[in-house]
Protein backbone atom coordinates (compact mmCIF):
# COMPACT_ATOMS: atom_id res chain seq x y z
CA MET A 1 35.10 -93.17 103.00
CA PHE A 2 31.91 -90.93 104.00
CA GLU A 3 31.84 -88.84 100.84
CA GLY A 4 28.18 -87.18 100.46
CA TYR A 5 28.19 -87.32 104.17
CA LYS A 6 28.71 -84.30 106.77
CA VAL A 7 28.34 -83.85 110.15
CA LEU A 8 26.59 -81.22 111.82
CA PHE A 9 27.75 -79.52 114.43
CA VAL A 10 25.78 -77.10 117.02
CA GLU A 11 27.69 -75.24 119.35
CA ASP A 12 27.44 -71.63 120.49
CA ASP A 13 30.48 -71.05 122.02
CA PRO A 14 32.90 -69.69 118.91
CA PRO A 15 36.01 -70.88 120.12
CA VAL A 16 34.95 -74.59 120.95
CA ARG A 17 32.80 -74.80 117.78
CA LEU A 18 36.03 -73.90 115.53
CA SER A 19 38.43 -75.96 117.49
CA LEU A 20 36.20 -79.18 117.28
CA SER A 21 35.06 -78.08 113.91
CA GLN A 22 38.96 -78.24 113.03
CA SER A 23 39.64 -81.74 114.36
CA LEU A 24 36.79 -83.31 112.55
CA GLU A 25 37.72 -81.40 109.46
CA LEU A 26 41.33 -83.16 110.16
CA ALA A 27 39.96 -86.62 110.38
CA GLY A 28 38.57 -85.73 106.96
CA LEU A 29 35.10 -85.25 107.42
CA GLU A 30 32.88 -82.74 105.99
CA VAL A 31 31.83 -80.58 109.02
CA GLN A 32 28.90 -77.90 108.71
CA ALA A 33 29.18 -75.51 112.10
CA CYS A 34 25.91 -73.79 113.89
CA GLY A 35 25.58 -71.32 116.10
CA THR A 36 22.34 -72.27 117.06
CA ALA A 37 19.99 -75.04 116.92
CA GLU A 38 17.26 -72.98 114.17
CA GLU A 39 20.18 -72.63 112.08
CA ALA A 40 20.46 -76.30 111.67
CA LEU A 41 17.19 -77.09 111.38
CA PRO A 42 17.15 -76.38 107.17
CA GLU A 43 19.24 -79.44 107.10
CA ILE A 44 17.58 -82.04 109.05
CA VAL A 45 15.09 -83.51 106.35
CA PRO A 46 14.42 -87.25 105.53
CA GLY A 47 17.06 -89.01 104.25
CA ALA A 48 19.81 -86.61 104.92
CA GLN A 49 23.36 -87.78 104.62
CA ILE A 50 23.93 -86.06 108.52
CA VAL A 51 25.06 -87.26 111.70
CA VAL A 52 24.10 -84.46 114.17
CA MET A 53 26.51 -83.20 116.96
CA SER A 54 24.99 -80.77 119.66
CA ASP A 55 25.76 -79.12 122.50
CA VAL A 56 22.62 -79.42 125.08
CA ARG A 57 23.07 -75.67 126.35
CA LEU A 58 21.91 -73.41 123.69
CA PRO A 59 20.22 -69.98 123.53
CA GLY A 60 16.77 -70.43 122.36
CA MET A 61 16.12 -74.14 121.31
CA ASP A 62 18.16 -76.34 123.03
CA GLY A 63 19.51 -79.39 122.37
CA MET A 64 17.23 -81.79 123.48
CA ARG A 65 14.29 -80.06 121.49
CA LEU A 66 16.51 -80.34 118.72
CA LEU A 67 17.10 -84.06 119.24
CA GLU A 68 13.46 -84.60 119.75
CA HIS A 69 12.69 -82.45 116.23
CA VAL A 70 15.76 -84.83 114.52
CA MET A 71 13.65 -88.01 116.04
CA ASN A 72 10.16 -86.49 114.57
CA VAL A 73 11.86 -85.69 111.04
CA ASP A 74 13.89 -88.97 110.35
CA PRO A 75 14.87 -91.02 114.04
CA SER A 76 17.39 -93.02 111.99
CA ILE A 77 19.48 -89.70 111.86
CA PRO A 78 22.45 -90.32 114.66
CA VAL A 79 22.13 -87.73 116.86
CA VAL A 80 24.92 -86.74 119.92
CA LEU A 81 24.60 -84.96 122.61
CA ILE A 82 27.37 -82.86 124.31
CA THR A 83 25.90 -82.80 128.15
CA ALA A 84 28.03 -80.92 131.06
CA HIS A 85 29.72 -83.04 134.04
CA GLY A 86 27.58 -85.04 136.14
CA ASP A 87 23.96 -84.20 134.16
CA VAL A 88 23.50 -88.23 134.11
CA ALA A 89 19.62 -87.89 134.45
CA MET A 90 19.42 -85.58 131.07
CA ALA A 91 21.73 -88.16 129.70
CA VAL A 92 19.71 -91.19 130.41
CA GLN A 93 16.48 -88.73 129.12
CA ALA A 94 18.17 -88.49 126.17
CA MET A 95 18.75 -92.08 125.55
CA ARG A 96 15.39 -92.65 125.91
CA ILE A 97 14.13 -90.00 123.65
CA GLY A 98 16.69 -91.73 121.08
CA ALA A 99 20.31 -90.32 121.02
CA TYR A 100 22.45 -92.06 119.76
CA ASP A 101 25.24 -91.48 121.89
CA PHE A 102 26.03 -88.43 124.40
CA ILE A 103 29.40 -87.26 125.67
CA GLU A 104 30.13 -85.59 128.63
CA LYS A 105 32.25 -82.64 129.48
CA PRO A 106 35.26 -82.39 129.56
CA PHE A 107 36.46 -84.60 127.04
CA ALA A 108 39.77 -84.97 124.32
CA PRO A 109 38.68 -83.83 120.95
CA GLU A 110 40.15 -87.35 120.01
CA ARG A 111 36.71 -88.85 121.75
CA PHE A 112 34.82 -86.71 119.87
CA VAL A 113 36.35 -87.52 116.68
CA GLU A 114 35.78 -90.91 116.83
CA THR A 115 32.18 -90.55 118.42
CA ALA A 116 31.81 -88.91 115.26
CA LEU A 117 33.17 -91.42 112.76
CA ARG A 118 30.72 -93.80 114.60
CA ALA A 119 27.84 -92.05 114.01
CA LEU A 120 28.55 -91.48 110.54
CA ASP A 121 29.80 -95.78 109.81
CA LYS A 122 25.68 -96.40 111.37
CA ARG A 123 24.83 -93.55 109.15
CA MET A 124 26.13 -94.30 106.15
CA LEU A 125 24.89 -98.52 107.13
CA ARG A 126 21.21 -97.64 107.67
CA ASN A 127 21.09 -95.78 104.32
CA ALA A 128 22.98 -98.81 102.57
CA VAL A 129 20.29 -100.77 104.32
CA ASP A 130 17.22 -98.91 102.99
CA ASP A 131 18.70 -98.37 99.83
CA LEU A 132 18.68 -102.70 99.61
CA ARG A 133 15.33 -103.18 100.89
CA SER A 134 14.17 -100.34 97.95
CA GLN A 135 16.22 -102.88 95.63
CA LEU A 136 14.18 -105.59 96.69
CA GLN A 137 10.84 -103.89 96.62
CA ARG A 138 11.55 -102.80 93.06
CA ALA A 139 12.59 -106.19 91.71
CA ASN A 140 10.18 -107.93 89.62
CA GLY A 141 10.55 -111.27 87.37
CA ILE A 142 13.69 -112.77 87.45
CA GLU A 143 15.59 -109.97 89.12
CA ALA A 144 13.34 -110.93 92.02
CA VAL A 145 14.18 -114.62 91.80
CA LEU A 146 18.01 -113.87 90.96
CA LEU A 147 19.44 -111.02 93.33
CA GLY A 148 22.43 -109.07 92.63
CA GLN A 149 23.85 -106.00 90.81
CA SER A 150 26.97 -107.11 90.35
CA ALA A 151 28.11 -107.76 85.95
CA ALA A 152 28.22 -111.23 87.02
CA MET A 153 24.98 -111.33 87.76
CA GLN A 154 23.36 -109.51 85.69
CA GLN A 155 24.99 -111.58 82.65
CA VAL A 156 23.59 -114.72 84.16
CA ARG A 157 20.34 -112.98 84.30
CA LYS A 158 20.78 -112.12 80.33
CA GLN A 159 22.14 -115.62 79.35
CA ILE A 160 18.60 -117.46 80.89
CA LEU A 161 16.78 -114.93 79.05
CA ASN A 162 18.43 -115.17 76.01
CA LEU A 163 18.26 -119.26 76.12
CA ALA A 164 14.71 -119.94 78.22
CA ASP A 165 12.63 -120.03 74.75
CA THR A 166 14.82 -122.14 72.81
CA SER A 167 14.77 -125.77 72.88
CA ALA A 168 18.70 -126.39 73.39
CA ASP A 169 19.40 -128.44 76.86
CA VAL A 170 21.43 -126.14 79.16
CA MET A 171 24.47 -127.19 81.40
CA ILE A 172 25.11 -125.55 84.48
CA LEU A 173 28.24 -124.97 86.10
CA GLY A 174 28.82 -123.89 89.11
CA GLU A 175 30.28 -124.18 93.05
CA THR A 176 28.05 -125.92 95.60
CA GLY A 177 25.47 -123.29 97.03
CA THR A 178 25.47 -121.12 94.41
CA GLY A 179 22.26 -121.72 92.85
CA LYS A 180 22.41 -124.22 90.04
CA GLU A 181 18.62 -125.74 90.65
CA LEU A 182 17.24 -122.23 91.27
CA VAL A 183 18.93 -121.07 87.95
CA ALA A 184 17.08 -124.09 86.41
CA ARG A 185 14.17 -123.15 87.74
CA CYS A 186 14.60 -119.77 86.09
CA LEU A 187 15.20 -121.22 82.68
CA HIS A 188 12.06 -122.59 83.26
CA ASP A 189 9.62 -120.20 84.43
CA GLN A 190 11.02 -117.75 81.50
CA SER A 191 10.03 -120.14 78.62
CA LYS A 192 6.55 -121.57 76.60
CA ARG A 193 7.28 -124.68 78.87
CA ARG A 194 6.10 -123.01 82.60
CA ASP A 195 2.89 -124.56 82.61
CA ARG A 196 4.47 -128.19 82.39
CA HIS A 197 6.25 -129.96 84.46
CA PHE A 198 9.43 -128.89 86.37
CA VAL A 199 11.25 -132.32 87.93
CA ALA A 200 14.71 -132.24 89.54
CA ILE A 201 16.32 -135.57 90.04
CA ASN A 202 19.86 -135.57 92.19
CA CYS A 203 22.17 -137.77 90.61
CA GLY A 204 23.84 -138.29 93.69
CA GLY A 205 21.20 -138.90 95.62
CA LEU A 206 20.35 -142.43 94.07
CA PRO A 207 21.13 -146.02 94.02
CA GLU A 208 22.74 -147.29 90.99
CA ASN A 209 19.93 -150.23 90.72
CA LEU A 210 16.87 -147.90 91.34
CA PHE A 211 18.96 -145.25 89.07
CA GLU A 212 17.27 -146.64 85.38
CA SER A 213 13.57 -147.28 86.60
CA GLU A 214 13.96 -143.27 88.23
CA LEU A 215 14.95 -141.93 85.36
CA PHE A 216 13.12 -143.93 82.49
CA GLY A 217 10.57 -145.85 84.19
CA HIS A 218 9.22 -149.65 83.97
CA GLU A 219 6.59 -151.98 83.04
CA PRO A 220 5.07 -154.67 85.18
CA GLY A 221 7.48 -157.36 85.82
CA ALA A 222 10.65 -155.75 84.54
CA PHE A 223 12.21 -156.70 87.49
CA THR A 224 11.10 -158.77 90.94
CA SER A 225 9.45 -155.90 92.72
CA ALA A 226 7.64 -154.11 89.74
CA ALA A 227 4.28 -154.58 90.46
CA LYS A 228 2.45 -152.06 87.92
CA ARG A 229 3.71 -149.28 85.06
CA ARG A 230 6.07 -147.01 86.52
CA VAL A 231 6.04 -143.55 84.60
CA GLY A 232 9.73 -142.09 84.48
CA LYS A 233 10.81 -138.73 85.51
CA LEU A 234 12.27 -137.93 82.00
CA GLU A 235 8.72 -139.25 80.42
CA PHE A 236 6.53 -137.39 83.51
CA ALA A 237 8.54 -133.97 81.99
CA ASN A 238 7.47 -134.38 78.93
CA GLY A 239 6.40 -130.84 77.43
CA GLY A 240 8.33 -129.35 80.51
CA THR A 241 11.99 -129.49 81.95
CA LEU A 242 14.63 -131.84 83.42
CA LEU A 243 17.36 -131.18 86.33
CA LEU A 244 19.85 -133.63 86.10
CA ASP A 245 21.80 -132.50 89.60
CA GLU A 246 25.64 -133.49 89.88
CA ILE A 247 25.04 -135.03 86.57
CA GLU A 248 29.14 -136.23 87.42
CA THR A 249 27.71 -139.04 89.62
CA MET A 250 25.66 -140.72 86.79
CA PRO A 251 26.62 -144.69 86.08
CA VAL A 252 28.22 -144.37 83.21
CA PRO A 253 26.04 -147.07 81.31
CA LEU A 254 23.10 -144.71 81.90
CA GLN A 255 25.14 -142.20 80.41
CA ILE A 256 24.72 -143.83 77.06
CA LYS A 257 21.30 -144.51 77.34
CA LEU A 258 20.86 -140.73 78.33
CA LEU A 259 22.95 -140.04 74.96
CA ARG A 260 20.92 -142.04 72.99
CA VAL A 261 17.42 -140.35 74.65
CA LEU A 262 19.03 -136.64 73.81
CA GLN A 263 19.60 -137.30 70.67
CA GLU A 264 16.43 -139.66 69.21
CA ARG A 265 14.13 -137.87 72.08
CA ARG A 266 12.29 -140.90 72.68
CA LEU A 267 12.71 -143.65 75.56
CA GLU A 268 11.73 -147.10 76.29
CA ARG A 269 10.56 -148.20 79.43
CA LEU A 270 13.12 -150.89 81.37
CA GLY A 271 10.90 -154.27 80.19
CA SER A 272 9.56 -152.69 77.13
CA ASN A 273 10.14 -152.99 73.51
CA GLU A 274 8.08 -149.76 72.86
CA GLU A 275 9.21 -146.47 72.33
CA VAL A 276 7.73 -143.35 73.92
CA PRO A 277 8.17 -140.01 72.30
CA ILE A 278 9.12 -137.09 74.52
CA ASN A 279 9.54 -133.27 74.20
CA VAL A 280 11.38 -132.37 77.32
CA ARG A 281 14.69 -129.88 77.48
CA VAL A 282 17.27 -131.47 79.94
CA ILE A 283 18.99 -128.95 81.85
CA ALA A 284 22.50 -130.72 83.46
CA ALA A 285 23.75 -129.38 86.81
CA THR A 286 27.42 -129.96 88.15
CA LYS A 287 30.11 -128.58 90.16
CA ALA A 288 32.96 -131.17 88.90
CA ASP A 289 34.99 -130.16 85.47
CA LEU A 290 33.22 -132.49 82.74
CA LYS A 291 36.23 -131.63 80.12
CA ALA A 292 38.57 -133.07 82.25
CA MET A 293 36.55 -136.51 83.87
CA SER A 294 36.03 -137.23 80.33
CA GLU A 295 39.79 -137.07 79.41
CA ALA A 296 40.00 -139.49 82.31
CA GLN A 297 37.32 -141.14 80.71
CA GLN A 298 35.40 -141.29 83.93
CA PHE A 299 32.34 -139.23 82.08
CA ARG A 300 31.60 -139.93 78.83
CA GLY A 301 33.01 -137.19 76.50
CA ASP A 302 30.13 -137.77 73.68
CA LEU A 303 27.54 -136.99 76.27
CA TYR A 304 29.51 -133.80 77.66
CA TYR A 305 29.93 -132.23 73.90
CA ARG A 306 25.91 -133.17 73.42
CA LEU A 307 25.13 -131.53 77.18
CA ASN A 308 27.75 -128.66 76.68
CA VAL A 309 26.16 -126.99 73.92
CA ALA A 310 24.67 -124.21 76.23
CA THR A 311 26.77 -123.31 78.90
CA LEU A 312 25.61 -121.12 82.18
CA THR A 313 28.01 -120.46 84.76
CA LEU A 314 27.48 -119.02 88.06
CA PRO A 315 29.89 -117.16 89.69
CA PRO A 316 30.92 -117.65 93.53
CA LEU A 317 30.08 -115.25 96.50
CA ARG A 318 34.09 -113.75 96.42
CA GLU A 319 33.83 -112.99 93.01
CA ARG A 320 30.27 -110.99 93.58
CA ARG A 321 31.05 -109.79 96.97
CA GLU A 322 29.40 -106.58 96.25
CA ASP A 323 25.81 -108.50 96.22
CA ILE A 324 26.43 -109.65 99.71
CA PRO A 325 24.96 -107.21 101.62
CA LEU A 326 21.66 -107.59 99.41
CA LEU A 327 21.17 -111.42 99.69
CA PHE A 328 21.96 -110.93 103.46
CA GLN A 329 19.39 -108.27 104.02
CA HIS A 330 16.88 -110.72 101.70
CA PHE A 331 17.56 -113.87 103.55
CA ILE A 332 16.87 -111.65 106.95
CA ALA A 333 13.71 -110.78 105.84
CA GLN A 334 12.61 -114.21 104.81
CA ALA A 335 14.05 -115.61 108.46
CA ALA A 336 12.35 -112.85 110.13
CA SER A 337 8.90 -113.99 108.86
CA ARG A 338 9.44 -117.55 108.85
CA TYR A 339 10.67 -117.24 112.70
CA GLU A 340 8.02 -114.55 113.74
CA ARG A 341 10.92 -112.81 114.95
CA PRO A 342 12.11 -109.13 114.14
CA ALA A 343 14.72 -108.22 111.71
CA PRO A 344 17.84 -107.27 113.26
CA GLU A 345 19.48 -104.06 112.37
CA LEU A 346 22.51 -104.80 111.00
CA ASP A 347 25.69 -102.83 112.40
CA PRO A 348 29.16 -101.56 110.26
CA GLN A 349 31.14 -104.32 111.96
CA ARG A 350 29.09 -107.16 110.79
CA LEU A 351 28.43 -106.11 107.70
CA ARG A 352 32.51 -105.56 107.13
CA GLU A 353 32.60 -109.08 108.40
CA LEU A 354 29.87 -110.43 105.77
CA MET A 355 32.36 -108.34 102.99
CA SER A 356 35.02 -109.86 104.47
CA HIS A 357 34.40 -113.36 104.36
CA ASP A 358 35.33 -116.11 101.97
CA TRP A 359 31.79 -117.59 101.62
CA PRO A 360 32.62 -121.10 101.00
CA GLY A 361 28.93 -122.41 100.92
CA ASN A 362 27.89 -119.48 98.83
CA VAL A 363 24.25 -118.74 99.00
CA ARG A 364 23.54 -121.39 100.66
CA GLU A 365 26.03 -120.55 103.36
CA ILE A 366 24.60 -116.85 103.76
CA ARG A 367 21.32 -118.33 103.86
CA ASN A 368 22.24 -119.80 107.50
CA ALA A 369 24.30 -117.01 108.19
CA ALA A 370 21.01 -115.05 107.95
CA ASP A 371 18.88 -117.45 109.90
CA ARG A 372 21.25 -117.85 112.65
CA PHE A 373 21.67 -113.59 112.96
CA VAL A 374 17.70 -113.63 113.20
CA LEU A 375 17.79 -116.40 115.65
CA GLY A 376 20.34 -114.56 117.54
CA LEU A 377 23.40 -117.30 117.60
CA ALA A 378 25.79 -115.49 116.20
CA GLY A 379 28.68 -115.47 118.10
CA SER A 380 27.09 -117.94 120.77
CA ASP A 381 28.78 -121.07 121.73
CA ASP A 382 27.72 -123.18 119.52
CA GLY A 383 29.28 -121.39 116.53
CA GLN A 384 29.81 -117.97 114.92
CA LEU A 385 27.91 -116.02 112.50
CA ILE A 386 31.09 -115.97 109.97
CA GLU A 387 34.87 -116.45 110.00
CA PRO A 388 35.88 -113.51 108.31
CA VAL A 389 39.20 -113.48 105.67
CA PRO A 390 41.13 -111.14 106.19
CA LEU A 391 40.66 -108.68 102.87
CA THR A 392 43.87 -105.93 102.33
CA LEU A 393 42.92 -102.62 103.23
CA ALA A 394 42.86 -101.45 99.63
CA ARG A 395 40.24 -104.68 98.84
CA GLN A 396 38.16 -103.25 101.28
CA MET A 397 38.58 -99.92 100.33
CA ASP A 398 37.51 -100.89 97.05
CA LEU A 399 33.76 -102.44 97.76
CA ILE A 400 33.43 -99.53 100.03
CA GLU A 401 33.85 -97.35 97.41
CA LYS A 402 32.14 -98.97 94.47
CA THR A 403 28.90 -99.50 96.98
CA LEU A 404 28.92 -95.75 98.09
CA ILE A 405 29.11 -94.84 94.17
CA GLU A 406 26.35 -97.59 93.06
CA GLN A 407 24.31 -96.34 95.94
CA ALA A 408 24.62 -92.79 94.21
CA LEU A 409 23.57 -94.02 91.13
CA ARG A 410 20.61 -95.17 91.98
CA ARG A 411 19.56 -92.38 94.15
CA CYS A 412 20.19 -90.10 91.12
CA HIS A 413 19.05 -92.59 88.64
CA GLY A 414 22.62 -92.33 86.76
CA LYS A 415 22.64 -88.64 86.06
CA ILE A 416 26.31 -88.13 86.01
CA PRO A 417 26.04 -84.26 87.22
CA ALA A 418 23.66 -85.30 90.33
CA VAL A 419 26.07 -87.72 90.89
CA MET A 420 29.34 -85.49 91.14
CA GLU A 421 27.46 -83.03 93.32
CA LEU A 422 26.15 -85.65 95.51
CA LEU A 423 29.76 -87.28 96.02
CA GLY A 424 31.84 -84.16 94.93
CA THR A 425 33.45 -85.93 92.56
CA PRO A 426 35.06 -84.37 89.56
CA LYS A 427 33.67 -85.98 86.15
CA LYS A 428 36.56 -87.70 84.88
CA THR A 429 37.58 -89.24 88.27
CA LEU A 430 34.09 -89.96 88.69
CA TYR A 431 34.12 -91.73 85.11
CA ASP A 432 37.66 -93.35 86.05
CA LYS A 433 36.28 -95.00 89.16
CA LEU A 434 33.14 -96.31 87.18
CA HIS A 435 35.59 -98.23 84.52
CA ARG A 436 37.75 -99.53 87.14
CA HIS A 437 34.54 -100.93 88.85
CA GLY A 438 33.03 -102.08 85.79
CA ILE A 439 29.79 -100.04 86.88
CA GLU A 440 27.77 -99.78 84.24
CA LEU A 441 25.45 -96.59 83.93
CA GLU A 442 22.58 -97.71 81.17
CA ARG A 443 20.94 -100.53 84.81
CA PHE A 444 21.11 -97.06 86.74
CA ARG A 445 19.16 -94.87 84.10
CA SER A 446 16.42 -97.62 83.45
CA GLY A 447 15.80 -98.08 86.88
CA GLY A 448 17.57 -100.80 87.58
């Protein structure tokens, strides 16, 4: 689990140093044992994948001075100090300087190992968070809008860029909260229509008696309250893009009129006999199975096939769990700015909860969870941040392994020899894992 990370253990008593080092190694941890603080100094560099565990009483530089040195080099490196029994004042001072924890002698080896595991967990998470922030800062263009490095999101972005400059109408399929309107805006912003209007209309949010006027417009006197001409959404979007969200709720009579507009690229305002030519891209978004609805005669089949020429399918979050930390960190930053609050640090338990939750509300739900996290409402009486859905141990380990491999690939710019050395993994094993997790090397080699 902690491949590439190690415990830097400083202890001047050889038997104690050997015994505790063996306890850490039996727990599967890499250990570098040092007899003096001076011997450990070369390993303490910014970003080092280490935790420091040191006795306070040492020859030469003591543990307190070593702690101060680590805090000056990289305060995110966890430092655990081993203090003498009853030395409470020193422990308090160490925590004020920035020590992660302290262990009071005498202690059981199990407690020593458990503290090392917690410190490594914190260090690995901090490096992962720093890596996420770096990704967010490097993101530009469509990658800064549609976040995620999963294969599914890379495919969505590729499809958007492929379709953006065509004249094809597009259907976007996805569960509630997957970002269908955001994808529609990306299609507009990446196209030659970007300087014209992007108009969104929620088909489920309009009364049926107003729908036709809203979509097609009307002339004065077309109905009782029509005092003057109104330009409809389709005409207003001329030269640009019209998003019809929740199109499955559109009344059937209007589906017939919409089909005619899509075929002829002309419309008639309500109460008019004059045809108005339009040049508009129509994007339809739905969470429903329109094919099944058309077979059940709940949606016009001819309109379904007219809209279904180019289709974008958005994956739910549960199918791209590796994107969850990046999204959550992004929404934390947004919420901290919006509420003028400091951005709280993620802890390992919170990250595990995020990764194991099923996210039925998808991106919308994770944004809400980030807001609550920044406001300090997670776990309060009015509701919890999330309700975890248990994942098997194998699935959790797969997600952790994939995250660590991708983090190493980014650090090494996709250079396999460097990744092998960083992770301590043979070439064949590494390539097997890349294949199993569906990790594509090219996006790391190009800095993606």
